[in-house]
Amino acid sequence: MGRFTSMFSGLTRSFSTTKKVKNSGDHGGKETSETMVKDAKKKDLILRSSGCINVHNLASVCSRRGEKGVNQDCCIVWEEFGGQEEMTFCGIFDGHGSWGHYVAKRVCESIPSTLLCNWQEEMMQVEASLDLQPVKVKKLDRFHVWKNSFIRTCASVDHDVRECRKFDSFHSGTTALAVVKQGELLVIANVGDSRAVLATTSDDGCLVPVPLTVDFKPNLPHEAERIVECKGRVFCLEDEPGVHRLWLPNEESPGLAMSRAFGDYCVKDFGLVSVPQVTERRITRKDQFIVLASDGVWDVVSNEEAVEIVSSTVDKAKSAKRLVEFAGRAWKRKRKGFASDDISAICLFFNNGSPSSQQIHPLASSDS
């Protein structure tokens, strides 16, 4: 138990109560996590706008408004997440609907602090259970702790959005993609159709993309099955062939292009869920960086293109900006006649942003 205690004693001491309360209703834990947020802001450990942060891991962030109105994307990078030097939190939130920017902002602000509360409660439960086990079988499953924490967090945050009276979330919502890096462990939680892609070195020395998430579109077999069972409908409009959307049983509304989201309570009884898919990845020496981006990037940029653009950027602090600019030009070239979406990206480097010596697979065509 010594290693376990030393790894988490700092955060454990920060939370003054061990009371188990449903849906993170513990005011002490909430106040402590909010204090951590304020302290992190004072130390410039949280980045919520375009720019870069380089404390333990270099992270480059860029978000650009599309041609549909206000920018409904929100981003956050939090170094020393929860007061832990080895932890980083990254998140991208893509709002939609008339009030989508408010929903995205609310979820972006709520998830990190709520996740900390739930993670701490899960840690204390695990610590208590380990105390009851023989020494030889004691083992901390960090991923299991994070998975439970993310699932509880998403349920709590979606409930919070429903109860919020500052905006209308009945026909508006947001996707959410969050990554926690804890040492060599990556935990990825995805609600919606933003995407995380890892850049890793193949056996032949080339840098290749590895998708870490699934784009949760309504036409995915398991997603469509759930929607149909809940009496929702999935189909494409005549002027949007190939774009499957989620519709109410008897109305051509709301036409969501994703099958998981926060908010959008008009279709929460018809197949839309806010349950995250939570996965893990162990970082090795071959892994260079990850790219988190909203669908405004992935609608016009391939995984291979994204990895090439980021890896070939000499100043890694500007890598996200370069990727966003590339996507902006790609929208004009590939989606003529369509208003471009909001475009946001986070690039998190594992080796403090140092240039990689690996070769890069060349692109068939480049817009950079």
Protein backbone atom coordinates (compact mmCIF):
# COMPACT_ATOMS: atom_id res chain seq x y z
CA MET A 1 0.00 0.00 0.00
CA GLY A 2 3.01 2.31 0.32
CA ARG A 3 3.24 3.10 -3.39
CA PHE A 4 -0.52 3.57 -3.62
CA THR A 5 -0.53 5.98 -0.69
CA SER A 6 2.40 8.03 -1.96
CA MET A 7 0.91 8.40 -5.45
CA PHE A 8 -2.38 9.87 -4.28
CA SER A 9 -1.85 11.17 -0.76
CA GLY A 10 -1.59 14.77 -1.97
CA LEU A 11 -5.04 14.81 -3.50
CA THR A 12 -6.47 12.63 -0.76
CA ARG A 13 -5.41 15.18 1.86
CA SER A 14 -7.00 17.94 -0.18
CA PHE A 15 -10.43 16.41 0.14
CA SER A 16 -11.61 16.79 3.70
CA THR A 17 -14.40 14.23 3.68
CA THR A 18 -14.86 10.57 2.87
CA LYS A 19 -18.62 10.71 2.89
CA LYS A 20 -20.14 8.88 -0.07
CA VAL A 21 -22.85 10.98 -1.65
CA LYS A 22 -24.83 10.12 -4.75
CA ASN A 23 -24.01 12.06 -7.94
CA SER A 24 -21.08 13.86 -6.32
CA GLY A 25 -23.34 15.89 -4.11
CA ASP A 26 -20.54 16.25 -1.54
CA HIS A 27 -20.18 20.01 -1.02
CA GLY A 28 -16.75 19.58 0.59
CA GLY A 29 -15.39 17.72 -2.43
CA LYS A 30 -16.97 20.21 -4.83
CA GLU A 31 -15.57 23.21 -2.98
CA THR A 32 -12.13 21.61 -2.88
CA SER A 33 -12.13 20.88 -6.61
CA GLU A 34 -13.26 24.45 -7.33
CA THR A 35 -10.41 25.71 -5.16
CA MET A 36 -8.03 23.55 -7.20
CA VAL A 37 -9.35 25.16 -10.38
CA LYS A 38 -8.73 28.66 -9.00
CA ASP A 39 -5.26 27.70 -7.81
CA ALA A 40 -4.39 26.17 -11.20
CA LYS A 41 -5.55 29.34 -12.97
CA LYS A 42 -3.32 31.47 -10.74
CA LYS A 43 -0.36 29.26 -11.64
CA ASP A 44 -1.21 29.41 -15.37
CA LEU A 45 -1.79 25.66 -15.47
CA ILE A 46 -5.13 25.91 -17.31
CA LEU A 47 -5.47 26.96 -20.94
CA ARG A 48 -8.98 27.61 -22.30
CA SER A 49 -8.17 29.56 -25.45
CA SER A 50 -5.92 29.28 -28.47
CA GLY A 51 -2.25 29.16 -27.50
CA CYS A 52 0.12 26.74 -25.85
CA ILE A 53 1.07 25.50 -22.40
CA ASN A 54 4.35 23.79 -21.57
CA VAL A 55 4.75 22.76 -17.95
CA HIS A 56 5.36 19.01 -18.08
CA ASN A 57 3.94 18.29 -21.53
CA LEU A 58 3.73 20.76 -24.40
CA ALA A 59 0.13 21.25 -25.50
CA SER A 60 -0.89 23.38 -28.49
CA VAL A 61 -4.49 24.61 -28.75
CA CYS A 62 -6.38 26.43 -31.49
CA SER A 63 -10.08 27.12 -32.06
CA ARG A 64 -11.53 29.09 -34.95
CA ARG A 65 -15.10 30.19 -35.62
CA GLY A 66 -16.73 28.77 -38.73
CA GLU A 67 -19.28 30.44 -41.00
CA LYS A 68 -22.41 29.51 -39.07
CA GLY A 69 -22.30 32.20 -36.38
CA VAL A 70 -20.76 32.19 -32.91
CA ASN A 71 -17.98 29.67 -32.22
CA GLN A 72 -19.66 26.81 -30.35
CA ASP A 73 -16.44 24.89 -29.67
CA CYS A 74 -14.71 25.00 -26.29
CA CYS A 75 -11.28 23.64 -25.37
CA ILE A 76 -9.34 23.12 -22.15
CA VAL A 77 -5.90 21.84 -21.15
CA TRP A 78 -5.12 21.50 -17.44
CA GLU A 79 -1.56 20.64 -16.44
CA GLU A 80 -0.96 19.15 -12.98
CA PHE A 81 -4.60 18.09 -13.03
CA GLY A 82 -5.93 17.77 -9.49
CA GLY A 83 -2.61 18.97 -8.08
CA GLN A 84 -0.78 15.91 -9.46
CA GLU A 85 2.42 16.68 -11.40
CA GLU A 86 2.10 13.55 -13.51
CA MET A 87 -1.45 14.28 -14.70
CA THR A 88 -2.81 16.34 -17.61
CA PHE A 89 -6.45 16.83 -18.63
CA CYS A 90 -7.46 17.78 -22.18
CA GLY A 91 -10.98 18.31 -23.48
CA ILE A 92 -12.81 19.46 -26.61
CA PHE A 93 -16.53 20.28 -26.56
CA ASP A 94 -18.49 20.91 -29.76
CA GLY A 95 -21.85 22.61 -29.22
CA HIS A 96 -24.82 22.56 -31.58
CA GLY A 97 -28.25 24.15 -31.68
CA SER A 98 -29.28 27.71 -30.83
CA TRP A 99 -27.85 27.48 -27.31
CA GLY A 100 -25.03 25.07 -28.10
CA HIS A 101 -22.24 27.46 -27.18
CA TYR A 102 -23.72 27.85 -23.69
CA VAL A 103 -24.09 24.08 -23.27
CA ALA A 104 -20.52 23.48 -24.46
CA LYS A 105 -19.14 26.09 -22.08
CA ARG A 106 -21.12 24.67 -19.15
CA VAL A 107 -19.92 21.12 -19.83
CA CYS A 108 -16.34 22.29 -20.38
CA GLU A 109 -16.37 24.05 -17.02
CA SER A 110 -18.16 21.23 -15.17
CA ILE A 111 -16.45 18.05 -16.31
CA PRO A 112 -12.92 18.62 -14.92
CA SER A 113 -13.99 19.54 -11.37
CA THR A 114 -16.75 16.90 -11.28
CA LEU A 115 -14.32 14.29 -12.55
CA LEU A 116 -11.90 15.15 -9.76
CA CYS A 117 -14.62 14.65 -7.15
CA ASN A 118 -15.67 11.31 -8.59
CA TRP A 119 -12.08 10.15 -9.08
CA GLN A 120 -11.30 10.92 -5.46
CA GLU A 121 -14.36 9.02 -4.25
CA GLU A 122 -13.44 6.04 -6.44
CA MET A 123 -9.87 6.14 -5.13
CA MET A 124 -11.03 6.09 -1.52
CA GLN A 125 -13.36 3.17 -2.24
CA VAL A 126 -10.53 1.24 -3.87
CA GLU A 127 -8.18 2.04 -1.01
CA ALA A 128 -10.76 0.76 1.47
CA SER A 129 -11.27 -2.46 -0.50
CA LEU A 130 -7.51 -3.02 -0.82
CA ASP A 131 -7.16 -2.75 2.94
CA LEU A 132 -9.38 -5.82 3.23
CA GLN A 133 -7.36 -7.93 0.78
CA PRO A 134 -4.27 -10.07 1.45
CA VAL A 135 -1.03 -8.26 0.66
CA LYS A 136 -0.16 -10.62 -2.20
CA VAL A 137 -3.33 -9.83 -4.19
CA LYS A 138 -3.46 -6.05 -3.67
CA LYS A 139 -3.46 -4.29 -7.04
CA LEU A 140 -4.57 -0.85 -8.14
CA ASP A 141 -6.40 -0.84 -11.48
CA ARG A 142 -6.03 2.81 -12.45
CA PHE A 143 -8.04 2.48 -15.65
CA HIS A 144 -10.99 0.90 -13.84
CA VAL A 145 -11.00 3.84 -11.41
CA TRP A 146 -10.93 6.39 -14.23
CA LYS A 147 -13.60 4.57 -16.24
CA ASN A 148 -16.04 4.54 -13.33
CA SER A 149 -15.21 8.17 -12.60
CA PHE A 150 -15.90 9.27 -16.18
CA ILE A 151 -19.18 7.36 -16.37
CA ARG A 152 -20.40 8.90 -13.11
CA THR A 153 -19.19 12.33 -14.20
CA CYS A 154 -21.00 12.30 -17.54
CA ALA A 155 -24.26 11.24 -15.86
CA SER A 156 -23.91 13.99 -13.26
CA VAL A 157 -22.99 16.70 -15.78
CA ASP A 158 -25.85 15.78 -18.12
CA HIS A 159 -28.23 16.05 -15.16
CA ASP A 160 -26.71 19.44 -14.29
CA VAL A 161 -27.25 20.69 -17.85
CA ARG A 162 -30.89 19.54 -17.74
CA GLU A 163 -31.49 21.42 -14.49
CA CYS A 164 -29.72 24.62 -15.59
CA ARG A 165 -32.18 27.47 -16.24
CA LYS A 166 -29.66 29.86 -17.81
CA PHE A 167 -30.15 28.41 -21.28
CA ASP A 168 -32.44 26.08 -23.25
CA SER A 169 -30.83 22.67 -23.72
CA PHE A 170 -34.00 20.91 -24.92
CA HIS A 171 -33.01 21.43 -28.56
CA SER A 172 -29.33 22.21 -28.03
CA GLY A 173 -26.37 20.20 -26.81
CA THR A 174 -22.69 19.43 -27.07
CA THR A 175 -20.34 16.56 -27.71
CA ALA A 176 -17.39 15.95 -25.39
CA LEU A 177 -13.99 14.37 -25.85
CA ALA A 178 -11.72 14.21 -22.80
CA VAL A 179 -8.30 12.68 -22.23
CA VAL A 180 -6.44 12.21 -18.97
CA LYS A 181 -2.72 11.49 -19.16
CA GLN A 182 -1.49 9.97 -15.90
CA GLY A 183 2.14 9.06 -16.32
CA GLU A 184 2.24 6.47 -19.10
CA LEU A 185 -1.52 5.87 -18.94
CA LEU A 186 -3.90 7.57 -21.36
CA VAL A 187 -7.60 7.41 -20.55
CA ILE A 188 -9.93 8.55 -23.32
CA ALA A 189 -13.63 9.32 -22.76
CA ASN A 190 -15.74 10.13 -25.79
CA VAL A 191 -19.34 11.36 -26.09
CA GLY A 192 -20.10 12.25 -29.71
CA ASP A 193 -18.17 12.61 -32.94
CA SER A 194 -15.00 14.47 -32.05
CA ARG A 195 -11.92 12.29 -32.46
CA ALA A 196 -8.60 11.51 -30.80
CA VAL A 197 -5.72 10.21 -32.93
CA LEU A 198 -2.36 8.99 -31.65
CA ALA A 199 0.83 9.44 -33.69
CA THR A 200 3.15 6.49 -33.16
CA THR A 201 6.24 5.09 -34.86
CA SER A 202 5.82 1.95 -36.93
CA ASP A 203 8.38 -0.83 -37.23
CA ASP A 204 9.72 0.69 -40.47
CA GLY A 205 10.39 4.02 -38.73
CA CYS A 206 7.43 5.94 -40.14
CA LEU A 207 4.99 7.99 -38.11
CA VAL A 208 1.47 6.56 -38.45
CA PRO A 209 -1.95 7.47 -37.01
CA VAL A 210 -3.83 5.25 -34.56
CA PRO A 211 -7.47 6.23 -33.93
CA LEU A 212 -8.24 6.21 -30.20
CA THR A 213 -11.98 6.90 -30.48
CA VAL A 214 -15.03 6.00 -32.54
CA ASP A 215 -17.05 8.74 -34.25
CA PHE A 216 -20.47 8.11 -32.75
CA LYS A 217 -22.71 8.65 -35.76
CA PRO A 218 -26.37 7.52 -35.81
CA ASN A 219 -25.74 4.96 -38.58
CA LEU A 220 -23.19 2.90 -36.63
CA PRO A 221 -24.83 -0.54 -36.22
CA HIS A 222 -24.88 -0.60 -32.41
CA GLU A 223 -25.93 3.06 -32.24
CA ALA A 224 -28.67 2.67 -34.84
CA GLU A 225 -29.97 -0.43 -33.06
CA ARG A 226 -30.34 1.49 -29.80
CA ILE A 227 -32.04 4.42 -31.53
CA VAL A 228 -34.55 2.21 -33.36
CA GLU A 229 -35.33 0.28 -30.17
CA CYS A 230 -36.15 3.63 -28.54
CA LYS A 231 -38.47 4.56 -31.44
CA GLY A 232 -36.09 7.14 -32.88
CA ARG A 233 -35.32 7.27 -36.60
CA VAL A 234 -32.10 7.41 -38.64
CA PHE A 235 -32.01 8.62 -42.23
CA CYS A 236 -30.34 11.08 -44.61
CA LEU A 237 -31.93 14.11 -46.22
CA GLU A 238 -32.07 14.16 -50.00
CA ASP A 239 -29.64 17.08 -50.22
CA GLU A 240 -27.22 15.44 -47.76
CA PRO A 241 -26.55 11.95 -49.09
CA GLY A 242 -24.35 9.95 -46.72
CA VAL A 243 -25.04 12.22 -43.72
CA HIS A 244 -27.13 10.10 -41.36
CA ARG A 245 -29.09 11.99 -38.73
CA LEU A 246 -31.17 11.19 -35.66
CA TRP A 247 -34.84 12.18 -35.81
CA LEU A 248 -37.90 12.07 -33.57
CA PRO A 249 -40.48 9.34 -34.31
CA ASN A 250 -43.05 11.62 -35.97
CA GLU A 251 -41.15 14.80 -36.80
CA GLU A 252 -38.28 15.76 -39.07
CA SER A 253 -36.51 17.20 -36.03
CA PRO A 254 -33.89 17.68 -34.61
CA GLY A 255 -31.71 15.91 -37.20
CA LEU A 256 -28.64 15.35 -35.04
CA ALA A 257 -25.54 14.15 -36.87
CA MET A 258 -24.28 12.35 -33.75
CA SER A 259 -25.74 9.62 -31.55
CA ARG A 260 -24.24 10.69 -28.21
CA ALA A 261 -24.29 14.16 -26.67
CA PHE A 262 -25.01 16.20 -23.56
CA GLY A 263 -28.29 18.10 -23.67
CA ASP A 264 -30.69 17.58 -26.61
CA TYR A 265 -33.36 16.34 -24.21
CA CYS A 266 -35.96 16.31 -26.97
CA VAL A 267 -34.42 13.02 -28.16
CA LYS A 268 -32.97 11.61 -24.93
CA ASP A 269 -35.93 9.22 -24.78
CA PHE A 270 -35.44 8.22 -28.41
CA GLY A 271 -31.92 6.83 -28.47
CA LEU A 272 -29.56 9.72 -27.78
CA VAL A 273 -27.31 9.04 -24.77
CA SER A 274 -24.54 10.88 -22.91
CA VAL A 275 -22.78 7.68 -21.83
CA PRO A 276 -19.07 7.88 -22.70
CA GLN A 277 -17.00 5.21 -24.35
CA VAL A 278 -13.95 5.00 -22.06
CA THR A 279 -10.77 3.35 -23.32
CA GLU A 280 -7.10 3.24 -22.36
CA ARG A 281 -3.71 3.34 -24.04
CA ARG A 282 -0.31 2.76 -22.49
CA ILE A 283 2.19 5.27 -23.85
CA THR A 284 5.45 3.77 -25.13
CA ARG A 285 8.65 5.30 -26.48
CA LYS A 286 7.23 4.92 -29.98
CA ASP A 287 4.29 7.22 -29.24
CA GLN A 288 4.90 10.88 -30.09
CA PHE A 289 1.70 12.89 -29.59
CA ILE A 290 -2.09 12.84 -29.72
CA VAL A 291 -4.45 15.09 -31.64
CA LEU A 292 -7.92 15.87 -30.26
CA ALA A 293 -10.17 17.70 -32.69
CA SER A 294 -13.82 18.53 -33.33
CA ASP A 295 -15.56 17.17 -36.41
CA GLY A 296 -14.86 20.50 -38.09
CA VAL A 297 -11.36 19.11 -38.61
CA TRP A 298 -12.16 15.47 -39.32
CA ASP A 299 -14.89 16.25 -41.86
CA VAL A 300 -12.19 17.50 -44.24
CA VAL A 301 -8.86 16.18 -42.89
CA SER A 302 -7.77 12.54 -42.75
CA ASN A 303 -5.96 11.00 -39.79
CA GLU A 304 -2.83 10.68 -41.93
CA GLU A 305 -2.97 14.33 -42.97
CA ALA A 306 -3.40 15.49 -39.37
CA VAL A 307 -0.38 13.50 -38.17
CA GLU A 308 1.74 14.76 -41.06
CA ILE A 309 0.78 18.39 -40.48
CA VAL A 310 1.46 18.31 -36.73
CA SER A 311 4.70 16.33 -36.97
CA SER A 312 6.11 18.55 -39.72
CA THR A 313 5.46 21.78 -37.82
CA VAL A 314 8.85 23.04 -36.65
CA ASP A 315 7.43 25.16 -33.82
CA LYS A 316 5.28 22.61 -31.97
CA ALA A 317 3.52 25.39 -30.09
CA LYS A 318 1.90 26.37 -33.40
CA SER A 319 0.97 22.84 -34.49
CA ALA A 320 -2.73 23.12 -33.59
CA LYS A 321 -3.00 26.46 -35.38
CA ARG A 322 -1.42 25.00 -38.50
CA LEU A 323 -3.83 22.05 -38.44
CA VAL A 324 -6.83 24.36 -38.00
CA GLU A 325 -5.67 26.59 -40.86
CA PHE A 326 -5.23 23.54 -43.10
CA ALA A 327 -8.77 22.39 -42.25
CA GLY A 328 -10.15 25.85 -42.98
CA ARG A 329 -8.67 25.78 -46.49
CA ALA A 330 -9.85 22.20 -46.98
CA TRP A 331 -13.44 23.25 -46.23
CA LYS A 332 -13.33 25.78 -49.06
CA ARG A 333 -11.86 23.23 -51.43
CA LYS A 334 -13.85 20.09 -50.51
CA ARG A 335 -17.18 21.55 -49.30
CA LYS A 336 -17.92 24.29 -51.77
CA GLY A 337 -21.34 25.81 -51.17
CA PHE A 338 -21.43 24.69 -47.52
CA ALA A 339 -20.79 26.98 -44.55
CA SER A 340 -17.66 25.80 -42.77
CA ASP A 341 -18.00 24.36 -39.28
CA ASP A 342 -16.18 25.60 -36.19
CA ILE A 343 -12.69 24.09 -36.17
CA SER A 344 -10.78 23.21 -32.98
CA ALA A 345 -7.74 21.09 -32.17
CA ILE A 346 -5.47 20.18 -29.28
CA CYS A 347 -2.04 18.64 -29.85
CA LEU A 348 -0.46 17.04 -26.77
CA PHE A 349 3.18 16.00 -27.09
CA PHE A 350 4.72 13.29 -24.93
CA ASN A 351 8.38 14.31 -25.21
CA ASN A 352 7.97 17.95 -24.23
CA GLY A 353 7.45 18.91 -27.82
CA SER A 354 10.94 17.96 -29.00
CA PRO A 355 11.10 17.31 -32.76
CA SER A 356 10.84 13.68 -33.77
CA SER A 357 13.58 12.06 -35.85
CA GLN A 358 11.13 9.59 -37.40
CA GLN A 359 10.27 9.70 -41.07
CA ILE A 360 6.79 10.81 -42.05
CA HIS A 361 4.56 9.18 -44.61
CA PRO A 362 4.19 11.81 -47.37
CA LEU A 363 0.72 12.98 -48.32
CA ALA A 364 -0.68 12.34 -51.76
CA SER A 365 -1.67 16.01 -51.87
CA SER A 366 -0.98 18.77 -49.36
CA ASP A 367 -2.81 22.01 -48.71
CA SER A 368 -0.15 23.31 -46.36
